[in-house]
Amino acid sequence: MVNIIIQRAKRKQDNLRIKILNELGFKVIRFTNEEVIGNIENTINSIIEHLTKKNIIVESSLPLEGPRKRLFLHIFSNDSN
């Protein structure tokens, strides 16, 4: 029972944080740990797709290379406002 109460409180806190970020103009994209750990390239492609829809130019170093699998994203706003 205590675990359920804690999870509900965390979910409520998380929803409030997302609401505040949205009000500040941020878009929150959620991924599970399994998605990030099990298929990082798909996760990155999803982020790039969201940015591209917002007219943000993204250059990436995909596919991931090297022993540490580092990724470099160069993000440029295409918005002239």
PDB file of N, CA and C in Angstrom:
ATOM      1  N   MET A   1       0.819  -1.191   0.000  1.00  0.00           N
ATOM      2  CA  MET A   1       0.000   0.000   0.000  1.00  0.00           C
ATOM      3  C   MET A   1       0.866   1.261   0.000  1.00  0.00           C
ATOM      4  N   VAL A   2       1.920   1.250   0.815  1.00  0.00           N
ATOM      5  CA  VAL A   2       2.816   2.407   0.890  1.00  0.00           C
ATOM      6  C   VAL A   2       3.485   2.641  -0.456  1.00  0.00           C
ATOM      7  N   ASN A   3       3.857   1.551  -1.125  1.00  0.00           N
ATOM      8  CA  ASN A   3       4.499   1.643  -2.433  1.00  0.00           C
ATOM      9  C   ASN A   3       3.582   2.326  -3.449  1.00  0.00           C
ATOM     10  N   ILE A   4       2.300   2.017  -3.416  1.00  0.00           N
ATOM     11  CA  ILE A   4       1.332   2.628  -4.323  1.00  0.00           C
ATOM     12  C   ILE A   4       1.230   4.128  -4.068  1.00  0.00           C
ATOM     13  N   ILE A   5       1.204   4.516  -2.819  1.00  0.00           N
ATOM     14  CA  ILE A   5       1.123   5.939  -2.451  1.00  0.00           C
ATOM     15  C   ILE A   5       2.361   6.681  -2.936  1.00  0.00           C
ATOM     16  N   ILE A   6       3.522   6.081  -2.751  1.00  0.00           N
ATOM     17  CA  ILE A   6       4.774   6.706  -3.200  1.00  0.00           C
ATOM     18  C   ILE A   6       4.787   6.845  -4.715  1.00  0.00           C
ATOM     19  N   GLN A   7       4.363   5.796  -5.435  1.00  0.00           N
ATOM     20  CA  GLN A   7       4.337   5.857  -6.903  1.00  0.00           C
ATOM     21  C   GLN A   7       3.372   6.924  -7.392  1.00  0.00           C
ATOM     22  N   ARG A   8       2.222   7.052  -6.760  1.00  0.00           N
ATOM     23  CA  ARG A   8       1.260   8.090  -7.154  1.00  0.00           C
ATOM     24  C   ARG A   8       1.836   9.478  -6.911  1.00  0.00           C
ATOM     25  N   ALA A   9       2.528   9.652  -5.797  1.00  0.00           N
ATOM     26  CA  ALA A   9       3.141  10.952  -5.486  1.00  0.00           C
ATOM     27  C   ALA A   9       4.226  11.282  -6.510  1.00  0.00           C
ATOM     28  N   LYS A  10       5.034  10.285  -6.878  1.00  0.00           N
ATOM     29  CA  LYS A  10       6.079  10.500  -7.881  1.00  0.00           C
ATOM     30  C   LYS A  10       5.473  10.844  -9.230  1.00  0.00           C
ATOM     31  N   ARG A  11       4.390  10.151  -9.604  1.00  0.00           N
ATOM     32  CA  ARG A  11       3.726  10.415 -10.880  1.00  0.00           C
ATOM     33  C   ARG A  11       3.142  11.831 -10.891  1.00  0.00           C
ATOM     34  N   LYS A  12       2.548  12.231  -9.773  1.00  0.00           N
ATOM     35  CA  LYS A  12       1.982  13.580  -9.676  1.00  0.00           C
ATOM     36  C   LYS A  12       3.086  14.627  -9.781  1.00  0.00           C
ATOM     37  N   GLN A  13       4.204  14.401  -9.111  1.00  0.00           N
ATOM     38  CA  GLN A  13       5.348  15.310  -9.167  1.00  0.00           C
ATOM     39  C   GLN A  13       5.917  15.371 -10.588  1.00  0.00           C
ATOM     40  N   ASP A  14       6.003  14.219 -11.247  1.00  0.00           N
ATOM     41  CA  ASP A  14       6.519  14.161 -12.614  1.00  0.00           C
ATOM     42  C   ASP A  14       5.601  14.914 -13.568  1.00  0.00           C
ATOM     43  N   ASN A  15       4.293  14.724 -13.426  1.00  0.00           N
ATOM     44  CA  ASN A  15       3.336  15.437 -14.274  1.00  0.00           C
ATOM     45  C   ASN A  15       3.422  16.943 -14.070  1.00  0.00           C
ATOM     46  N   LEU A  16       3.623  17.382 -12.833  1.00  0.00           N
ATOM     47  CA  LEU A  16       3.779  18.810 -12.553  1.00  0.00           C
ATOM     48  C   LEU A  16       5.045  19.351 -13.210  1.00  0.00           C
ATOM     49  N   ARG A  17       6.128  18.600 -13.121  1.00  0.00           N
ATOM     50  CA  ARG A  17       7.394  19.008 -13.743  1.00  0.00           C
ATOM     51  C   ARG A  17       7.222  19.134 -15.258  1.00  0.00           C
ATOM     52  N   ILE A  18       6.541  18.173 -15.885  1.00  0.00           N
ATOM     53  CA  ILE A  18       6.292  18.222 -17.337  1.00  0.00           C
ATOM     54  C   ILE A  18       5.431  19.428 -17.680  1.00  0.00           C
ATOM     55  N   LYS A  19       4.413  19.685 -16.881  1.00  0.00           N
ATOM     56  CA  LYS A  19       3.535  20.840 -17.136  1.00  0.00           C
ATOM     57  C   LYS A  19       4.334  22.140 -17.098  1.00  0.00           C
ATOM     58  N   ILE A  20       5.203  22.275 -16.117  1.00  0.00           N
ATOM     59  CA  ILE A  20       6.023  23.485 -15.990  1.00  0.00           C
ATOM     60  C   ILE A  20       6.962  23.609 -17.185  1.00  0.00           C
ATOM     61  N   LEU A  21       7.611  22.524 -17.559  1.00  0.00           N
ATOM     62  CA  LEU A  21       8.512  22.553 -18.717  1.00  0.00           C
ATOM     63  C   LEU A  21       7.764  22.919 -19.994  1.00  0.00           C
ATOM     64  N   ASN A  22       6.565  22.361 -20.171  1.00  0.00           N
ATOM     65  CA  ASN A  22       5.753  22.697 -21.346  1.00  0.00           C
ATOM     66  C   ASN A  22       5.389  24.175 -21.353  1.00  0.00           C
ATOM     67  N   GLU A  23       5.037  24.715 -20.201  1.00  0.00           N
ATOM     68  CA  GLU A  23       4.696  26.133 -20.102  1.00  0.00           C
ATOM     69  C   GLU A  23       5.886  27.028 -20.426  1.00  0.00           C
ATOM     70  N   LEU A  24       7.092  26.522 -20.183  1.00  0.00           N
ATOM     71  CA  LEU A  24       8.310  27.267 -20.498  1.00  0.00           C
ATOM     72  C   LEU A  24       8.745  27.072 -21.959  1.00  0.00           C
ATOM     73  N   GLY A  25       7.968  26.281 -22.702  1.00  0.00           N
ATOM     74  CA  GLY A  25       8.263  26.094 -24.115  1.00  0.00           C
ATOM     75  C   GLY A  25       9.059  24.845 -24.447  1.00  0.00           C
ATOM     76  N   PHE A  26       9.284  23.998 -23.460  1.00  0.00           N
ATOM     77  CA  PHE A  26      10.019  22.756 -23.707  1.00  0.00           C
ATOM     78  C   PHE A  26       9.056  21.640 -24.075  1.00  0.00           C
ATOM     79  N   LYS A  27       9.513  20.718 -24.913  1.00  0.00           N
ATOM     80  CA  LYS A  27       8.747  19.529 -25.269  1.00  0.00           C
ATOM     81  C   LYS A  27       9.398  18.352 -24.572  1.00  0.00           C
ATOM     82  N   VAL A  28       8.636  17.618 -23.803  1.00  0.00           N
ATOM     83  CA  VAL A  28       9.158  16.469 -23.076  1.00  0.00           C
ATOM     84  C   VAL A  28       8.896  15.212 -23.894  1.00  0.00           C
ATOM     85  N   ILE A  29       9.939  14.473 -24.159  1.00  0.00           N
ATOM     86  CA  ILE A  29       9.839  13.204 -24.873  1.00  0.00           C
ATOM     87  C   ILE A  29      10.272  12.125 -23.889  1.00  0.00           C
ATOM     88  N   ARG A  30       9.428  11.148 -23.693  1.00  0.00           N
ATOM     89  CA  ARG A  30       9.708  10.113 -22.692  1.00  0.00           C
ATOM     90  C   ARG A  30      10.151   8.812 -23.355  1.00  0.00           C
ATOM     91  N   PHE A  31      11.137   8.174 -22.734  1.00  0.00           N
ATOM     92  CA  PHE A  31      11.614   6.868 -23.160  1.00  0.00           C
ATOM     93  C   PHE A  31      11.790   5.995 -21.927  1.00  0.00           C
ATOM     94  N   THR A  32      11.538   4.720 -22.080  1.00  0.00           N
ATOM     95  CA  THR A  32      11.787   3.798 -20.976  1.00  0.00           C
ATOM     96  C   THR A  32      13.284   3.490 -20.916  1.00  0.00           C
ATOM     97  N   ASN A  33      13.724   2.993 -19.779  1.00  0.00           N
ATOM     98  CA  ASN A  33      15.122   2.574 -19.657  1.00  0.00           C
ATOM     99  C   ASN A  33      15.440   1.494 -20.689  1.00  0.00           C
ATOM    100  N   GLU A  34      14.486   0.587 -20.908  1.00  0.00           N
ATOM    101  CA  GLU A  34      14.699  -0.501 -21.853  1.00  0.00           C
ATOM    102  C   GLU A  34      14.903   0.031 -23.273  1.00  0.00           C
ATOM    103  N   GLU A  35      14.138   1.069 -23.653  1.00  0.00           N
ATOM    104  CA  GLU A  35      14.293   1.659 -24.981  1.00  0.00           C
ATOM    105  C   GLU A  35      15.674   2.280 -25.147  1.00  0.00           C
ATOM    106  N   VAL A  36      16.121   2.995 -24.140  1.00  0.00           N
ATOM    107  CA  VAL A  36      17.415   3.678 -24.222  1.00  0.00           C
ATOM    108  C   VAL A  36      18.561   2.671 -24.202  1.00  0.00           C
ATOM    109  N   ILE A  37      18.504   1.740 -23.283  1.00  0.00           N
ATOM    110  CA  ILE A  37      19.600   0.773 -23.145  1.00  0.00           C
ATOM    111  C   ILE A  37      19.578  -0.255 -24.273  1.00  0.00           C
ATOM    112  N   GLY A  38      18.392  -0.730 -24.635  1.00  0.00           N
ATOM    113  CA  GLY A  38      18.283  -1.800 -25.621  1.00  0.00           C
ATOM    114  C   GLY A  38      18.353  -1.358 -27.063  1.00  0.00           C
ATOM    115  N   ASN A  39      18.005  -0.092 -27.330  1.00  0.00           N
ATOM    116  CA  ASN A  39      17.993   0.366 -28.721  1.00  0.00           C
ATOM    117  C   ASN A  39      18.276   1.857 -28.764  1.00  0.00           C
ATOM    118  N   ILE A  40      19.474   2.231 -28.395  1.00  0.00           N
ATOM    119  CA  ILE A  40      19.849   3.639 -28.285  1.00  0.00           C
ATOM    120  C   ILE A  40      19.748   4.361 -29.620  1.00  0.00           C
ATOM    121  N   GLU A  41      20.115   3.697 -30.713  1.00  0.00           N
ATOM    122  CA  GLU A  41      20.062   4.372 -32.012  1.00  0.00           C
ATOM    123  C   GLU A  41      18.630   4.730 -32.399  1.00  0.00           C
ATOM    124  N   ASN A  42      17.664   3.863 -32.094  1.00  0.00           N
ATOM    125  CA  ASN A  42      16.269   4.171 -32.366  1.00  0.00           C
ATOM    126  C   ASN A  42      15.794   5.338 -31.491  1.00  0.00           C
ATOM    127  N   THR A  43      16.239   5.353 -30.245  1.00  0.00           N
ATOM    128  CA  THR A  43      15.892   6.445 -29.342  1.00  0.00           C
ATOM    129  C   THR A  43      16.433   7.770 -29.875  1.00  0.00           C
ATOM    130  N   ILE A  44      17.666   7.773 -30.303  1.00  0.00           N
ATOM    131  CA  ILE A  44      18.288   8.983 -30.845  1.00  0.00           C
ATOM    132  C   ILE A  44      17.580   9.426 -32.121  1.00  0.00           C
ATOM    133  N   ASN A  45      17.258   8.470 -32.979  1.00  0.00           N
ATOM    134  CA  ASN A  45      16.537   8.814 -34.210  1.00  0.00           C
ATOM    135  C   ASN A  45      15.176   9.426 -33.898  1.00  0.00           C
ATOM    136  N   SER A  46      14.527   8.949 -32.859  1.00  0.00           N
ATOM    137  CA  SER A  46      13.241   9.510 -32.457  1.00  0.00           C
ATOM    138  C   SER A  46      13.404  10.959 -31.991  1.00  0.00           C
ATOM    139  N   ILE A  47      14.461  11.233 -31.230  1.00  0.00           N
ATOM    140  CA  ILE A  47      14.735  12.607 -30.782  1.00  0.00           C
ATOM    141  C   ILE A  47      15.010  13.498 -31.992  1.00  0.00           C
ATOM    142  N   ILE A  48      15.830  13.018 -32.909  1.00  0.00           N
ATOM    143  CA  ILE A  48      16.149  13.791 -34.113  1.00  0.00           C
ATOM    144  C   ILE A  48      14.885  14.071 -34.914  1.00  0.00           C
ATOM    145  N   GLU A  49      13.998  13.074 -35.025  1.00  0.00           N
ATOM    146  CA  GLU A  49      12.738  13.250 -35.755  1.00  0.00           C
ATOM    147  C   GLU A  49      11.883  14.353 -35.118  1.00  0.00           C
ATOM    148  N   HIS A  50      11.789  14.354 -33.787  1.00  0.00           N
ATOM    149  CA  HIS A  50      11.026  15.400 -33.102  1.00  0.00           C
ATOM    150  C   HIS A  50      11.634  16.781 -33.339  1.00  0.00           C
ATOM    151  N   LEU A  51      12.946  16.870 -33.296  1.00  0.00           N
ATOM    152  CA  LEU A  51      13.606  18.155 -33.523  1.00  0.00           C
ATOM    153  C   LEU A  51      13.399  18.629 -34.960  1.00  0.00           C
ATOM    154  N   THR A  52      13.477  17.707 -35.900  1.00  0.00           N
ATOM    155  CA  THR A  52      13.308  18.049 -37.305  1.00  0.00           C
ATOM    156  C   THR A  52      11.905  18.591 -37.572  1.00  0.00           C
ATOM    157  N   LYS A  53      10.901  18.030 -36.913  1.00  0.00           N
ATOM    158  CA  LYS A  53       9.525  18.506 -37.067  1.00  0.00           C
ATOM    159  C   LYS A  53       9.377  19.947 -36.585  1.00  0.00           C
ATOM    160  N   LYS A  54      10.253  20.378 -35.699  1.00  0.00           N
ATOM    161  CA  LYS A  54      10.221  21.744 -35.168  1.00  0.00           C
ATOM    162  C   LYS A  54      11.150  22.672 -35.946  1.00  0.00           C
ATOM    163  N   ASN A  55      11.539  22.259 -37.147  1.00  0.00           N
ATOM    164  CA  ASN A  55      12.441  23.040 -37.998  1.00  0.00           C
ATOM    165  C   ASN A  55      13.786  23.295 -37.330  1.00  0.00           C
ATOM    166  N   ILE A  56      14.254  22.319 -36.610  1.00  0.00           N
ATOM    167  CA  ILE A  56      15.575  22.405 -35.986  1.00  0.00           C
ATOM    168  C   ILE A  56      16.496  21.463 -36.758  1.00  0.00           C
ATOM    169  N   ILE A  57      17.592  22.002 -37.233  1.00  0.00           N
ATOM    170  CA  ILE A  57      18.539  21.229 -38.028  1.00  0.00           C
ATOM    171  C   ILE A  57      19.438  20.439 -37.081  1.00  0.00           C
ATOM    172  N   VAL A  58      19.555  19.152 -37.351  1.00  0.00           N
ATOM    173  CA  VAL A  58      20.364  18.285 -36.494  1.00  0.00           C
ATOM    174  C   VAL A  58      21.364  17.541 -37.348  1.00  0.00           C
ATOM    175  N   GLU A  59      22.617  17.625 -36.962  1.00  0.00           N
ATOM    176  CA  GLU A  59      23.657  16.805 -37.567  1.00  0.00           C
ATOM    177  C   GLU A  59      24.115  15.843 -36.491  1.00  0.00           C
ATOM    178  N   SER A  60      24.192  14.578 -36.810  1.00  0.00           N
ATOM    179  CA  SER A  60      24.577  13.607 -35.796  1.00  0.00           C
ATOM    180  C   SER A  60      25.734  12.746 -36.274  1.00  0.00           C
ATOM    181  N   SER A  61      26.321  12.053 -35.333  1.00  0.00           N
ATOM    182  CA  SER A  61      27.431  11.156 -35.637  1.00  0.00           C
ATOM    183  C   SER A  61      26.961   9.706 -35.684  1.00  0.00           C
ATOM    184  N   LEU A  62      25.686   9.495 -36.028  1.00  0.00           N
ATOM    185  CA  LEU A  62      25.193   8.123 -36.143  1.00  0.00           C
ATOM    186  C   LEU A  62      25.788   7.465 -37.376  1.00  0.00           C
ATOM    187  N   PRO A  63      26.077   6.183 -37.389  1.00  0.00           N
ATOM    188  CA  PRO A  63      25.908   5.261 -36.270  1.00  0.00           C
ATOM    189  C   PRO A  63      26.954   5.498 -35.190  1.00  0.00           C
ATOM    190  N   LEU A  64      26.612   5.058 -33.995  1.00  0.00           N
ATOM    191  CA  LEU A  64      27.531   5.221 -32.869  1.00  0.00           C
ATOM    192  C   LEU A  64      28.784   4.405 -33.136  1.00  0.00           C
ATOM    193  N   GLU A  65      29.916   5.004 -32.824  1.00  0.00           N
ATOM    194  CA  GLU A  65      31.173   4.317 -33.092  1.00  0.00           C
ATOM    195  C   GLU A  65      32.078   4.386 -31.876  1.00  0.00           C
ATOM    196  N   GLY A  66      33.059   3.529 -31.865  1.00  0.00           N
ATOM    197  CA  GLY A  66      34.065   3.541 -30.811  1.00  0.00           C
ATOM    198  C   GLY A  66      33.653   2.725 -29.610  1.00  0.00           C
ATOM    199  N   PRO A  67      34.612   2.491 -28.718  1.00  0.00           N
ATOM    200  CA  PRO A  67      34.349   1.628 -27.554  1.00  0.00           C
ATOM    201  C   PRO A  67      33.349   2.234 -26.561  1.00  0.00           C
ATOM    202  N   ARG A  68      33.246   3.554 -26.519  1.00  0.00           N
ATOM    203  CA  ARG A  68      32.331   4.182 -25.561  1.00  0.00           C
ATOM    204  C   ARG A  68      31.024   4.594 -26.200  1.00  0.00           C
ATOM    205  N   LYS A  69      30.853   4.327 -27.500  1.00  0.00           N
ATOM    206  CA  LYS A  69      29.611   4.615 -28.222  1.00  0.00           C
ATOM    207  C   LYS A  69      29.158   6.054 -28.007  1.00  0.00           C
ATOM    208  N   ARG A  70      30.031   6.990 -28.278  1.00  0.00           N
ATOM    209  CA  ARG A  70      29.706   8.400 -28.098  1.00  0.00           C
ATOM    210  C   ARG A  70      28.881   8.926 -29.256  1.00  0.00           C
ATOM    211  N   LEU A  71      28.006   9.841 -28.927  1.00  0.00           N
ATOM    212  CA  LEU A  71      27.168  10.482 -29.929  1.00  0.00           C
ATOM    213  C   LEU A  71      27.363  11.980 -29.833  1.00  0.00           C
ATOM    214  N   PHE A  72      27.481  12.604 -30.970  1.00  0.00           N
ATOM    215  CA  PHE A  72      27.559  14.057 -31.009  1.00  0.00           C
ATOM    216  C   PHE A  72      26.389  14.572 -31.836  1.00  0.00           C
ATOM    217  N   LEU A  73      25.606  15.445 -31.251  1.00  0.00           N
ATOM    218  CA  LEU A  73      24.512  16.089 -31.968  1.00  0.00           C
ATOM    219  C   LEU A  73      24.832  17.565 -32.077  1.00  0.00           C
ATOM    220  N   HIS A  74      24.760  18.087 -33.267  1.00  0.00           N
ATOM    221  CA  HIS A  74      24.909  19.517 -33.495  1.00  0.00           C
ATOM    222  C   HIS A  74      23.520  20.019 -33.838  1.00  0.00           C
ATOM    223  N   ILE A  75      22.990  20.901 -33.007  1.00  0.00           N
ATOM    224  CA  ILE A  75      21.611  21.343 -33.156  1.00  0.00           C
ATOM    225  C   ILE A  75      21.596  22.825 -33.478  1.00  0.00           C
ATOM    226  N   PHE A  76      20.890  23.169 -34.558  1.00  0.00           N
ATOM    227  CA  PHE A  76      20.790  24.554 -34.998  1.00  0.00           C
ATOM    228  C   PHE A  76      19.342  24.916 -35.159  1.00  0.00           C
ATOM    229  N   SER A  77      18.938  26.034 -34.619  1.00  0.00           N
ATOM    230  CA  SER A  77      17.570  26.487 -34.800  1.00  0.00           C
ATOM    231  C   SER A  77      17.426  27.084 -36.186  1.00  0.00           C
ATOM    232  N   ASN A  78      16.394  26.693 -36.881  1.00  0.00           N
ATOM    233  CA  ASN A  78      16.107  27.210 -38.210  1.00  0.00           C
ATOM    234  C   ASN A  78      15.026  28.276 -38.128  1.00  0.00           C
ATOM    235  N   ASP A  79      14.702  28.699 -36.905  1.00  0.00           N
ATOM    236  CA  ASP A  79      13.643  29.668 -36.663  1.00  0.00           C
ATOM    237  C   ASP A  79      14.236  31.063 -36.673  1.00  0.00           C
ATOM    238  N   SER A  80      13.700  31.939 -37.480  1.00  0.00           N
ATOM    239  CA  SER A  80      14.249  33.311 -37.577  1.00  0.00           C
ATOM    240  C   SER A  80      13.576  34.294 -36.629  1.00  0.00           C
ATOM    241  N   ASN A  81      12.686  33.781 -35.749  1.00  0.00           N
ATOM    242  CA  ASN A  81      11.994  34.667 -34.797  1.00  0.00           C
ATOM    243  C   ASN A  81      12.911  35.095 -33.669  1.00  0.00           C
TER     244      ASN A  81
END
